[in-house]
Amino acid sequence: MAFDSFQDFLAMGGHAPYVWASWGVTGALLVGIVLHARAERRQLLRHLRRRERRERRQPLTNQTSHHTGGRHHEA
């Protein structure tokens, strides 16, 4: 669709409110998706760093030992 002037382009043949609102909503949603993805990535990286520090602090024997609920069984 060709327009005779920039003013005609902005008017969109009388459908300007719908067309430009659609563009605006689409743009806002795309920006929101990008911001949400970045926030989730930062949160995941923080979680992984905390988990890595926590696992480094634990002695290796705690990870491989078999706990019997506080009771010692003697044979």
N, C-alpha and C. Protein backbone atom coordinates (compact mmCIF):
# COMPACT_ATOMS: atom_id res chain seq x y z
N MET A 1 0.85 -1.17 0.00
CA MET A 1 0.00 0.00 0.00
C MET A 1 0.90 1.23 0.00
N ALA A 2 0.74 2.07 -0.95
CA ALA A 2 1.54 3.29 -1.07
C ALA A 2 0.74 4.47 -0.54
N PHE A 3 1.46 5.39 0.08
CA PHE A 3 0.83 6.59 0.63
C PHE A 3 1.36 7.80 -0.11
N ASP A 4 0.48 8.78 -0.30
CA ASP A 4 0.85 10.00 -1.02
C ASP A 4 1.72 10.93 -0.19
N SER A 5 1.57 10.87 1.14
CA SER A 5 2.35 11.75 2.00
C SER A 5 2.61 11.05 3.34
N PHE A 6 3.50 11.65 4.09
CA PHE A 6 3.79 11.11 5.42
C PHE A 6 2.56 11.20 6.31
N GLN A 7 1.78 12.26 6.12
CA GLN A 7 0.53 12.44 6.90
C GLN A 7 -0.44 11.30 6.59
N ASP A 8 -0.54 10.91 5.32
CA ASP A 8 -1.40 9.77 4.95
C ASP A 8 -0.88 8.48 5.57
N PHE A 9 0.44 8.34 5.61
CA PHE A 9 1.03 7.15 6.24
C PHE A 9 0.66 7.08 7.72
N LEU A 10 0.77 8.20 8.44
CA LEU A 10 0.42 8.21 9.85
C LEU A 10 -1.06 7.94 10.08
N ALA A 11 -1.91 8.40 9.15
CA ALA A 11 -3.36 8.21 9.29
C ALA A 11 -3.77 6.78 8.99
N MET A 12 -2.94 6.05 8.24
CA MET A 12 -3.19 4.64 7.89
C MET A 12 -4.59 4.42 7.33
N GLY A 13 -5.00 5.28 6.46
CA GLY A 13 -6.30 5.12 5.82
C GLY A 13 -7.46 5.16 6.79
N GLY A 14 -7.31 5.89 7.88
CA GLY A 14 -8.38 5.99 8.87
C GLY A 14 -8.28 4.95 9.97
N HIS A 15 -7.30 4.06 9.90
CA HIS A 15 -7.16 3.00 10.89
C HIS A 15 -5.98 3.23 11.84
N ALA A 16 -5.52 4.47 11.91
CA ALA A 16 -4.33 4.79 12.69
C ALA A 16 -4.41 4.34 14.15
N PRO A 17 -5.52 4.59 14.87
CA PRO A 17 -5.53 4.18 16.29
C PRO A 17 -5.29 2.67 16.46
N TYR A 18 -5.94 1.86 15.62
CA TYR A 18 -5.78 0.41 15.73
C TYR A 18 -4.36 0.00 15.33
N VAL A 19 -3.87 0.51 14.20
CA VAL A 19 -2.56 0.12 13.69
C VAL A 19 -1.46 0.51 14.67
N TRP A 20 -1.45 1.76 15.11
CA TRP A 20 -0.36 2.21 15.97
C TRP A 20 -0.47 1.64 17.37
N ALA A 21 -1.68 1.41 17.86
CA ALA A 21 -1.84 0.73 19.15
C ALA A 21 -1.32 -0.71 19.07
N SER A 22 -1.59 -1.37 17.95
CA SER A 22 -1.09 -2.74 17.76
C SER A 22 0.43 -2.76 17.75
N TRP A 23 1.03 -1.82 17.03
CA TRP A 23 2.49 -1.72 17.00
C TRP A 23 3.04 -1.45 18.41
N GLY A 24 2.38 -0.55 19.12
CA GLY A 24 2.83 -0.21 20.47
C GLY A 24 2.75 -1.38 21.44
N VAL A 25 1.63 -2.09 21.41
CA VAL A 25 1.47 -3.25 22.29
C VAL A 25 2.50 -4.33 21.94
N THR A 26 2.69 -4.58 20.65
CA THR A 26 3.66 -5.58 20.23
C THR A 26 5.07 -5.19 20.68
N GLY A 27 5.44 -3.94 20.49
CA GLY A 27 6.75 -3.48 20.92
C GLY A 27 6.93 -3.60 22.43
N ALA A 28 5.90 -3.22 23.18
CA ALA A 28 5.97 -3.30 24.64
C ALA A 28 6.11 -4.75 25.10
N LEU A 29 5.38 -5.66 24.46
CA LEU A 29 5.50 -7.07 24.83
C LEU A 29 6.88 -7.63 24.51
N LEU A 30 7.44 -7.24 23.39
CA LEU A 30 8.79 -7.71 23.03
C LEU A 30 9.82 -7.19 24.03
N VAL A 31 9.71 -5.93 24.40
CA VAL A 31 10.62 -5.37 25.40
C VAL A 31 10.43 -6.09 26.74
N GLY A 32 9.18 -6.36 27.11
CA GLY A 32 8.89 -7.07 28.35
C GLY A 32 9.48 -8.48 28.36
N ILE A 33 9.40 -9.17 27.24
CA ILE A 33 9.96 -10.51 27.15
C ILE A 33 11.47 -10.48 27.34
N VAL A 34 12.12 -9.53 26.70
CA VAL A 34 13.58 -9.40 26.82
C VAL A 34 13.97 -9.09 28.27
N LEU A 35 13.28 -8.14 28.90
CA LEU A 35 13.58 -7.78 30.29
C LEU A 35 13.33 -8.95 31.23
N HIS A 36 12.25 -9.67 31.02
CA HIS A 36 11.94 -10.83 31.86
C HIS A 36 13.00 -11.91 31.71
N ALA A 37 13.42 -12.18 30.48
CA ALA A 37 14.46 -13.19 30.25
C ALA A 37 15.77 -12.79 30.92
N ARG A 38 16.13 -11.52 30.84
CA ARG A 38 17.37 -11.05 31.49
C ARG A 38 17.27 -11.19 33.00
N ALA A 39 16.12 -10.86 33.57
CA ALA A 39 15.94 -10.98 35.02
C ALA A 39 16.02 -12.45 35.45
N GLU A 40 15.40 -13.34 34.70
CA GLU A 40 15.46 -14.76 35.03
C GLU A 40 16.88 -15.29 34.93
N ARG A 41 17.62 -14.84 33.93
CA ARG A 41 19.01 -15.27 33.76
C ARG A 41 19.85 -14.82 34.95
N ARG A 42 19.69 -13.55 35.36
CA ARG A 42 20.43 -13.06 36.52
C ARG A 42 20.09 -13.86 37.78
N GLN A 43 18.80 -14.16 37.96
CA GLN A 43 18.37 -14.93 39.12
C GLN A 43 18.96 -16.34 39.08
N LEU A 44 18.96 -16.98 37.93
CA LEU A 44 19.52 -18.32 37.80
C LEU A 44 21.01 -18.32 38.09
N LEU A 45 21.74 -17.33 37.57
CA LEU A 45 23.18 -17.26 37.81
C LEU A 45 23.47 -17.04 39.30
N ARG A 46 22.68 -16.19 39.96
CA ARG A 46 22.85 -15.99 41.41
C ARG A 46 22.62 -17.29 42.16
N HIS A 47 21.57 -18.00 41.80
CA HIS A 47 21.24 -19.28 42.44
C HIS A 47 22.38 -20.28 42.25
N LEU A 48 22.90 -20.38 41.04
CA LEU A 48 23.97 -21.33 40.77
C LEU A 48 25.25 -20.96 41.52
N ARG A 49 25.56 -19.67 41.62
CA ARG A 49 26.74 -19.25 42.38
C ARG A 49 26.59 -19.59 43.86
N ARG A 50 25.39 -19.34 44.43
CA ARG A 50 25.15 -19.70 45.84
C ARG A 50 25.27 -21.20 46.04
N ARG A 51 24.70 -21.96 45.12
CA ARG A 51 24.76 -23.43 45.23
C ARG A 51 26.20 -23.93 45.14
N GLU A 52 26.97 -23.35 44.23
CA GLU A 52 28.37 -23.75 44.10
C GLU A 52 29.15 -23.44 45.37
N ARG A 53 28.96 -22.25 45.96
CA ARG A 53 29.64 -21.90 47.21
C ARG A 53 29.23 -22.84 48.33
N ARG A 54 27.94 -23.16 48.42
CA ARG A 54 27.44 -24.05 49.47
C ARG A 54 28.05 -25.44 49.31
N GLU A 55 28.11 -25.95 48.09
CA GLU A 55 28.66 -27.28 47.87
C GLU A 55 30.16 -27.31 48.12
N ARG A 56 30.87 -26.22 47.87
CA ARG A 56 32.31 -26.17 48.16
C ARG A 56 32.58 -26.19 49.65
N ARG A 57 31.69 -25.60 50.44
CA ARG A 57 31.89 -25.55 51.89
C ARG A 57 31.65 -26.91 52.55
N GLN A 58 30.83 -27.76 51.95
CA GLN A 58 30.52 -29.05 52.55
C GLN A 58 31.70 -29.99 52.36
N PRO A 59 32.08 -30.72 53.43
CA PRO A 59 33.13 -31.73 53.26
C PRO A 59 32.66 -32.84 52.34
N LEU A 60 33.59 -33.44 51.64
CA LEU A 60 33.24 -34.50 50.70
C LEU A 60 32.67 -35.72 51.41
N THR A 61 33.03 -35.95 52.66
CA THR A 61 32.53 -37.13 53.38
C THR A 61 31.03 -37.03 53.61
N ASN A 62 30.48 -35.83 53.77
CA ASN A 62 29.04 -35.69 53.97
C ASN A 62 28.26 -36.06 52.72
N GLN A 63 28.84 -35.89 51.58
CA GLN A 63 28.13 -36.17 50.34
C GLN A 63 28.06 -37.66 50.06
N THR A 64 29.01 -38.45 50.59
CA THR A 64 29.05 -39.87 50.25
C THR A 64 28.68 -40.76 51.42
N SER A 65 28.50 -40.22 52.62
CA SER A 65 28.20 -41.06 53.77
C SER A 65 26.73 -41.46 53.75
N HIS A 66 26.44 -42.59 54.40
CA HIS A 66 25.07 -43.08 54.50
C HIS A 66 24.59 -42.83 55.92
N HIS A 67 23.64 -41.98 56.05
CA HIS A 67 23.13 -41.59 57.35
C HIS A 67 21.99 -42.52 57.73
N THR A 68 21.96 -43.00 58.97
CA THR A 68 20.94 -43.95 59.39
C THR A 68 19.92 -43.33 60.33
N GLY A 69 19.74 -42.05 60.24
CA GLY A 69 18.73 -41.39 61.05
C GLY A 69 19.18 -41.16 62.47
N GLY A 70 20.46 -41.08 62.75
CA GLY A 70 20.94 -40.78 64.08
C GLY A 70 21.21 -42.00 64.93
N ARG A 71 20.82 -43.17 64.52
CA ARG A 71 21.07 -44.38 65.29
C ARG A 71 22.24 -45.13 64.68
N HIS A 72 23.10 -45.65 65.55
CA HIS A 72 24.22 -46.46 65.09
C HIS A 72 23.86 -47.93 65.27
N HIS A 73 24.05 -48.69 64.23
CA HIS A 73 23.75 -50.14 64.30
C HIS A 73 25.04 -50.89 64.44
N GLU A 74 25.12 -51.71 65.46
CA GLU A 74 26.31 -52.52 65.66
C GLU A 74 25.99 -53.95 65.33
N ALA A 75 26.94 -54.61 64.74
CA ALA A 75 26.73 -56.01 64.35
C ALA A 75 27.23 -56.96 65.40
